């Protein structure tokens, strides 16, 4: 499948579109990631849906735009991208930062959202690993996020559970993302908008909870039990606030269930979309 580029709000965006006339599903990756993290969704079993994955600004092969971006800024941008693609109503699926963006997209245009799948979503609770908190500090954060082999190894260890086998192609993608000039500065800028020394910012968590509490569409929170980045307790707690919320915990799965347990993830996505 060939990737394409489109301009949205003056930013050149790389995206992958399965095409077709089925329900449109926008899929948003996590911080430091790219659309390749959704490669396991572009399979024959999902051909009843029109799947669209993209590189967020400052990620993958997309332009940088006006950094720094936070979830609300990303959300407004993705809605402009949806407009550029001619999409009115969409289903949303987001992993980590992508999940936080989906929640804010729901808050900004609830009438345009048909369902939401939050896979290990950020912004649902304060807890996060100490290295992320330390990265918010001046100087130290710059040193900790410096591009190089160590940064690649750290990202792989954070993203995937211990039993997941990282292919050569996936490792090369992560290396490209980490080593791209400007990418780590964009990563750090977004991280600092979302995180402080106490963890994920309290105001961001409160905004996400408020958006979910007012949601009128189905919301599925899917979370790996072995996630070392975001505790699955965040999804457990948040789904109780969501009127049409459901929770699905996945065994033998770290921070990226769409790649680590694709059969489980794809079945859950198809069922969610079909329920609308």
Protein backbone atom coordinates (compact mmCIF):
# COMPACT_ATOMS: atom_id res chain seq x y z
CA UNK A 1 0.00 0.00 0.00
CA UNK A 2 1.42 3.36 -1.04
CA UNK A 3 1.59 6.26 1.39
CA UNK A 4 0.42 9.69 0.27
CA UNK A 5 0.95 13.30 1.31
CA UNK A 6 -1.60 16.04 1.81
CA UNK A 7 -1.38 19.60 3.09
CA UNK A 8 -3.41 20.55 6.16
CA UNK A 9 -3.13 23.94 7.87
CA UNK A 10 0.07 24.54 5.91
CA UNK A 11 1.73 21.30 7.08
CA UNK A 12 2.67 18.47 4.73
CA UNK A 13 1.25 15.27 6.24
CA UNK A 14 2.05 11.69 5.31
CA UNK A 15 -0.90 9.32 5.57
CA UNK A 16 -1.93 5.80 4.61
CA UNK A 17 -5.49 5.23 3.38
CA UNK A 18 -6.98 1.79 2.76
CA UNK A 19 -9.73 3.40 0.66
CA UNK A 20 -13.19 1.98 0.15
CA UNK A 21 -16.64 3.15 1.15
CA UNK A 22 -16.74 1.65 4.65
CA UNK A 23 -16.84 3.65 7.88
CA UNK A 24 -13.80 5.92 8.15
CA UNK A 25 -11.45 5.23 11.05
CA UNK A 26 -8.69 7.73 11.86
CA UNK A 27 -5.78 6.06 13.69
CA UNK A 28 -3.36 8.18 15.72
CA UNK A 29 0.00 6.96 17.01
CA UNK A 30 1.83 7.81 20.23
CA UNK A 31 4.56 10.35 20.95
CA UNK A 32 7.69 9.73 18.91
CA UNK A 33 5.85 7.22 16.71
CA UNK A 34 4.59 7.12 13.14
CA UNK A 35 1.93 5.47 11.00
CA UNK A 36 3.95 2.24 10.74
CA UNK A 37 2.75 1.43 14.26
CA UNK A 38 -0.66 0.75 12.63
CA UNK A 39 0.69 -1.60 9.97
CA UNK A 40 -1.04 -4.63 11.53
CA UNK A 41 -4.44 -3.03 10.99
CA UNK A 42 -4.16 -2.84 7.19
CA UNK A 43 -5.17 -6.45 6.67
CA UNK A 44 -7.92 -8.20 4.72
CA UNK A 45 -10.02 -8.86 7.83
CA UNK A 46 -10.49 -5.10 8.24
CA UNK A 47 -11.41 -4.34 4.64
CA UNK A 48 -14.97 -3.42 5.64
CA UNK A 49 -13.58 -0.19 7.11
CA UNK A 50 -11.74 2.72 5.53
CA UNK A 51 -8.62 2.93 7.68
CA UNK A 52 -6.54 6.10 7.68
CA UNK A 53 -3.29 6.37 9.63
CA UNK A 54 -1.08 9.44 9.62
CA UNK A 55 2.18 10.86 10.86
CA UNK A 56 1.34 13.63 13.30
CA UNK A 57 3.20 16.94 12.85
CA UNK A 58 6.78 16.56 14.05
CA UNK A 59 6.59 12.79 13.65
CA UNK A 60 7.52 10.26 10.99
CA UNK A 61 7.79 11.93 7.59
CA UNK A 62 5.28 14.74 8.17
CA UNK A 63 6.25 18.39 8.44
CA UNK A 64 6.80 19.97 11.83
CA UNK A 65 4.28 22.80 11.77
CA UNK A 66 4.29 25.37 14.54
CA UNK A 67 5.77 23.42 17.46
CA UNK A 68 5.09 22.80 20.27
CA UNK A 69 1.92 20.74 20.06
CA UNK A 70 -0.19 19.51 22.96
CA UNK A 71 -3.23 17.18 22.68
CA UNK A 72 -5.73 20.02 22.11
CA UNK A 73 -3.52 21.53 19.40
CA UNK A 74 -3.00 18.15 17.74
CA UNK A 75 -6.76 17.53 17.90
CA UNK A 76 -7.60 20.78 16.13
CA UNK A 77 -4.98 19.96 13.51
CA UNK A 78 -6.34 16.44 12.86
CA UNK A 79 -9.82 17.87 12.39
CA UNK A 80 -8.37 20.14 9.69
CA UNK A 81 -6.79 17.07 8.12
CA UNK A 82 -10.16 15.30 8.23
CA UNK A 83 -11.66 18.28 6.42
CA UNK A 84 -8.91 18.11 3.79
CA UNK A 85 -9.70 14.42 3.27
CA UNK A 86 -13.43 15.14 2.98
CA UNK A 87 -14.34 13.28 6.15
CA UNK A 88 -17.35 14.49 8.10
CA UNK A 89 -18.08 11.75 10.62
CA UNK A 90 -15.28 9.48 11.78
CA UNK A 91 -14.43 6.70 14.19
CA UNK A 92 -11.29 7.41 16.19
CA UNK A 93 -8.57 5.05 17.41
CA UNK A 94 -5.56 6.33 19.33
CA UNK A 95 -2.58 4.82 21.10
CA UNK A 96 -0.89 6.66 24.01
CA UNK A 97 -0.60 10.34 22.94
CA UNK A 98 -2.92 9.43 20.07
CA UNK A 99 -5.54 8.42 22.62
CA UNK A 100 -5.23 11.76 24.40
CA UNK A 101 -5.71 13.48 21.05
CA UNK A 102 -8.82 11.40 20.32
CA UNK A 103 -10.37 12.48 23.62
CA UNK A 104 -9.78 16.13 22.75
CA UNK A 105 -11.15 15.62 19.24
CA UNK A 106 -14.30 14.23 20.86
CA UNK A 107 -14.50 17.30 23.10
CA UNK A 108 -14.03 19.70 20.18
CA UNK A 109 -16.52 18.16 17.71
CA UNK A 110 -18.65 15.51 19.44
CA UNK A 111 -21.21 15.41 16.63
CA UNK A 112 -18.53 14.28 14.16
CA UNK A 113 -17.30 11.34 16.25
CA UNK A 114 -19.06 7.98 15.94
CA UNK A 115 -16.95 5.91 18.33
CA UNK A 116 -13.58 6.02 20.09
CA UNK A 117 -11.04 3.27 20.81
CA UNK A 118 -8.45 4.34 23.35
CA UNK A 119 -5.44 2.00 23.37
CA UNK A 120 -3.29 2.68 26.45
CA UNK A 121 -4.34 6.30 26.20
CA UNK A 122 -2.32 9.07 27.79
CA UNK A 123 -3.98 11.81 29.89
CA UNK A 124 -6.29 9.51 31.85
CA UNK A 125 -4.24 9.58 35.07
CA UNK A 126 -1.24 11.26 36.64
CA UNK A 127 1.15 8.31 36.98
CA UNK A 128 3.99 7.99 34.47
CA UNK A 129 7.56 6.67 34.58
CA UNK A 130 10.17 8.77 36.37
CA UNK A 131 12.34 9.22 33.23
CA UNK A 132 9.47 11.08 31.55
CA UNK A 133 9.17 13.35 34.58
CA UNK A 134 12.89 14.06 34.61
CA UNK A 135 12.82 14.94 30.92
CA UNK A 136 10.73 17.99 31.82
CA UNK A 137 13.75 19.55 33.56
CA UNK A 138 15.96 22.05 31.72
CA UNK A 139 19.26 20.70 30.38
CA UNK A 140 18.65 17.21 31.79
CA UNK A 141 15.71 16.67 29.48
CA UNK A 142 17.76 17.68 26.45
CA UNK A 143 20.53 15.28 27.43
CA UNK A 144 18.10 12.42 28.09
CA UNK A 145 16.37 12.77 24.70
CA UNK A 146 19.52 13.20 22.61
CA UNK A 147 19.22 11.22 19.37
CA UNK A 148 21.36 8.09 19.23
CA UNK A 149 21.39 4.31 19.68
CA UNK A 150 20.46 4.60 23.36
CA UNK A 151 17.35 6.61 22.51
CA UNK A 152 16.31 3.93 20.01
CA UNK A 153 16.78 1.17 22.59
CA UNK A 154 14.85 3.09 25.23
CA UNK A 155 11.92 3.68 22.90
CA UNK A 156 11.74 0.00 21.95
CA UNK A 157 11.83 -1.03 25.62
CA UNK A 158 9.05 1.42 26.46
CA UNK A 159 6.76 0.62 23.53
CA UNK A 160 6.68 -3.16 23.58
CA UNK A 161 6.26 -5.96 26.08
CA UNK A 162 9.15 -8.31 26.73
CA UNK A 163 7.71 -11.12 24.59
CA UNK A 164 7.19 -8.99 21.47
CA UNK A 165 9.67 -9.59 18.66
CA UNK A 166 10.79 -6.35 17.01
CA UNK A 167 11.39 -6.94 13.31
CA UNK A 168 14.29 -5.38 11.43
CA UNK A 169 11.83 -3.22 9.50
CA UNK A 170 10.20 -1.92 12.68
CA UNK A 171 13.58 -1.20 14.27
CA UNK A 172 14.62 0.74 11.16
CA UNK A 173 11.41 2.78 11.37
CA UNK A 174 12.07 3.64 15.02
CA UNK A 175 15.68 4.57 14.21
CA UNK A 176 14.47 6.84 11.39
CA UNK A 177 11.97 8.52 13.70
CA UNK A 178 14.48 9.04 16.50
CA UNK A 179 17.37 10.20 14.32
CA UNK A 180 15.39 12.63 12.16
CA UNK A 181 16.73 16.16 12.71
CA UNK A 182 14.29 18.14 14.85
CA UNK A 183 12.24 15.14 15.93
CA UNK A 184 13.62 14.89 19.45
CA UNK A 185 13.10 18.61 20.05
CA UNK A 186 9.46 18.20 18.98
CA UNK A 187 9.17 15.14 21.25
CA UNK A 188 10.52 17.04 24.22
CA UNK A 189 8.33 20.09 23.59
CA UNK A 190 5.16 17.98 23.54
CA UNK A 191 6.24 15.92 26.53
CA UNK A 192 6.80 19.06 28.61
CA UNK A 193 3.35 20.38 27.73
CA UNK A 194 1.81 17.11 28.94
CA UNK A 195 4.03 16.25 31.90
CA UNK A 196 5.63 17.82 34.97
CA UNK A 197 7.63 16.38 37.86
CA UNK A 198 4.41 15.06 39.39
CA UNK A 199 3.48 13.06 36.29
CA UNK A 200 0.94 13.76 33.55
CA UNK A 201 -0.35 17.27 34.14
CA UNK A 202 -3.38 17.43 36.43
CA UNK A 203 -5.20 19.94 34.22
CA UNK A 204 -4.82 17.65 31.19
CA UNK A 205 -6.16 14.66 33.13
CA UNK A 206 -9.11 16.72 34.39
CA UNK A 207 -9.91 17.88 30.84
CA UNK A 208 -9.84 14.30 29.55
CA UNK A 209 -12.07 13.05 32.34
CA UNK A 210 -14.56 15.85 31.68
CA UNK A 211 -14.65 15.05 27.96
CA UNK A 212 -15.25 11.36 28.61
CA UNK A 213 -17.93 12.05 31.23
CA UNK A 214 -19.92 13.97 28.62
CA UNK A 215 -19.39 11.47 25.79
CA UNK A 216 -22.52 10.06 24.19
CA UNK A 217 -20.82 7.65 21.77
CA UNK A 218 -19.31 4.21 22.47
CA UNK A 219 -15.82 4.43 23.95
CA UNK A 220 -13.65 1.33 24.33
CA UNK A 221 -10.57 1.50 26.54
CA UNK A 222 -8.20 -1.29 25.57
CA UNK A 223 -5.03 -1.67 27.62
CA UNK A 224 -2.20 -4.16 27.93
CA UNK A 225 -1.73 -5.63 31.39
CA UNK A 226 2.06 -5.47 31.00
CA UNK A 227 2.16 -1.81 29.95
CA UNK A 228 5.23 -0.24 31.60
CA UNK A 229 4.48 3.32 30.41
CA UNK A 230 0.86 3.94 31.43
CA UNK A 231 -0.74 1.81 34.18
CA UNK A 232 -3.85 -0.03 33.03
CA UNK A 233 -5.49 1.32 36.19
CA UNK A 234 -5.87 4.63 34.31
CA UNK A 235 -8.18 2.97 31.78
CA UNK A 236 -9.96 1.07 34.55
CA UNK A 237 -10.77 4.30 36.34
CA UNK A 238 -11.61 6.37 33.27
CA UNK A 239 -14.06 3.89 31.79
CA UNK A 240 -16.18 4.20 34.94
CA UNK A 241 -16.58 7.92 34.18
CA UNK A 242 -17.72 7.30 30.61
CA UNK A 243 -21.46 6.74 30.07
CA UNK A 244 -20.99 4.36 27.12
CA UNK A 245 -17.52 3.25 28.15
CA UNK A 246 -16.19 -0.30 28.07
CA UNK A 247 -12.91 -1.76 29.26
CA UNK A 248 -10.84 -4.55 27.74
CA UNK A 249 -7.56 -5.58 29.35
CA UNK A 250 -5.19 -7.61 27.17
CA UNK A 251 -2.79 -10.23 28.51
CA UNK A 252 0.80 -10.55 27.30
CA UNK A 253 0.73 -6.99 26.00
CA UNK A 254 2.73 -3.84 26.65
CA UNK A 255 2.11 -0.29 25.47
CA UNK A 256 1.15 -0.94 21.83
CA UNK A 257 -1.71 -3.48 21.70
CA UNK A 258 -2.39 -2.78 18.03
CA UNK A 259 1.01 -4.29 17.17
CA UNK A 260 1.57 -6.72 20.02
CA UNK A 261 -1.89 -8.34 19.94
CA UNK A 262 -3.27 -7.38 16.51
CA UNK A 263 -5.91 -10.11 16.33
CA UNK A 264 -7.41 -8.97 19.63
CA UNK A 265 -7.16 -5.31 18.70
CA UNK A 266 -8.62 -5.73 15.21
CA UNK A 267 -11.55 -7.79 16.45
CA UNK A 268 -12.28 -5.15 19.10
CA UNK A 269 -12.10 -2.33 16.52
CA UNK A 270 -14.41 -4.12 14.08
CA UNK A 271 -16.94 -4.84 16.83
CA UNK A 272 -16.85 -1.25 18.05
CA UNK A 273 -17.38 0.22 14.59
CA UNK A 274 -20.14 -2.29 13.82
CA UNK A 275 -21.95 -1.37 17.02
CA UNK A 276 -22.72 2.14 15.79
